[in-house]
């Protein structure tokens, strides 16, 4: 359990002691595809990086979607 009393999500059911929280895992293929498309659409190719975590990718996707909506 984490400090707020809820169990944190982990990536491995086999050995939770070795698992990383899902947010710290590499981004998913869907995130890669969406981030690549959004960075092109926003004319911001530097916003795309294949080395982001799931959480970092989610943040960049949100940022790019907001920029495009303006």
Protein backbone atom coordinates (compact mmCIF):
# COMPACT_ATOMS: atom_id res chain seq x y z
CA UNK A 1 0.00 0.00 0.00
CA UNK A 2 1.14 3.52 -0.66
CA UNK A 3 0.94 6.50 1.68
CA UNK A 4 -2.69 7.28 0.84
CA UNK A 5 -3.83 3.78 1.77
CA UNK A 6 -4.35 2.34 -1.71
CA UNK A 7 -2.35 -0.39 -3.32
CA UNK A 8 -0.17 0.86 -6.16
CA UNK A 9 -0.46 -0.81 -9.55
CA UNK A 10 2.41 -3.10 -10.44
CA UNK A 11 3.43 -4.66 -13.71
CA UNK A 12 4.15 -8.18 -12.58
CA UNK A 13 1.83 -10.66 -10.95
CA UNK A 14 4.67 -13.17 -10.65
CA UNK A 15 7.07 -11.29 -8.39
CA UNK A 16 5.69 -7.99 -7.08
CA UNK A 17 8.97 -7.26 -5.30
CA UNK A 18 10.71 -6.93 -8.68
CA UNK A 19 7.93 -5.10 -10.49
CA UNK A 20 7.88 -1.43 -11.38
CA UNK A 21 4.79 0.69 -10.95
CA UNK A 22 2.98 0.85 -14.31
CA UNK A 23 3.63 4.58 -14.63
CA UNK A 24 7.38 3.91 -14.64
CA UNK A 25 7.26 1.29 -17.41
CA UNK A 26 8.06 2.27 -21.00
CA UNK A 27 5.15 3.78 -22.87
CA UNK A 28 2.84 1.49 -24.77
CA UNK A 29 2.74 1.03 -28.54
CA UNK A 30 -0.56 2.93 -28.60
CA UNK A 31 1.06 5.83 -26.75
CA UNK A 32 4.00 5.79 -29.19
CA UNK A 33 1.64 5.97 -32.18
CA UNK A 34 -0.51 8.71 -30.67
CA UNK A 35 2.43 10.79 -29.45
CA UNK A 36 4.12 10.56 -32.87
CA UNK A 37 0.92 11.67 -34.65
CA UNK A 38 0.22 14.50 -32.21
CA UNK A 39 3.80 15.82 -32.36
CA UNK A 40 3.52 15.99 -36.15
CA UNK A 41 0.09 17.61 -36.01
CA UNK A 42 1.31 20.18 -33.46
CA UNK A 43 4.43 20.82 -35.57
CA UNK A 44 6.55 19.92 -32.53
CA UNK A 45 8.71 16.92 -33.52
CA UNK A 46 10.87 17.31 -30.42
CA UNK A 47 7.87 16.40 -28.25
CA UNK A 48 8.24 12.82 -29.48
CA UNK A 49 10.69 10.47 -27.82
CA UNK A 50 10.60 6.67 -27.74
CA UNK A 51 12.27 6.61 -24.32
CA UNK A 52 9.41 8.05 -22.26
CA UNK A 53 7.67 6.24 -19.43
CA UNK A 54 3.92 5.68 -19.51
CA UNK A 55 3.39 8.62 -17.16
CA UNK A 56 5.67 10.95 -19.15
CA UNK A 57 3.96 9.98 -22.39
CA UNK A 58 0.53 10.60 -20.89
CA UNK A 59 1.64 14.07 -19.83
CA UNK A 60 3.05 14.93 -23.25
CA UNK A 61 -0.05 13.61 -24.99
CA UNK A 62 -2.21 15.79 -22.78
CA UNK A 63 0.02 18.82 -23.45
CA UNK A 64 -0.02 18.29 -27.22
CA UNK A 65 -3.78 17.76 -27.33
CA UNK A 66 -4.25 21.04 -25.43
CA UNK A 67 -1.87 22.85 -27.80
CA UNK A 68 -3.68 21.54 -30.86
CA UNK A 69 -7.08 22.51 -29.43
CA UNK A 70 -6.03 26.16 -29.11
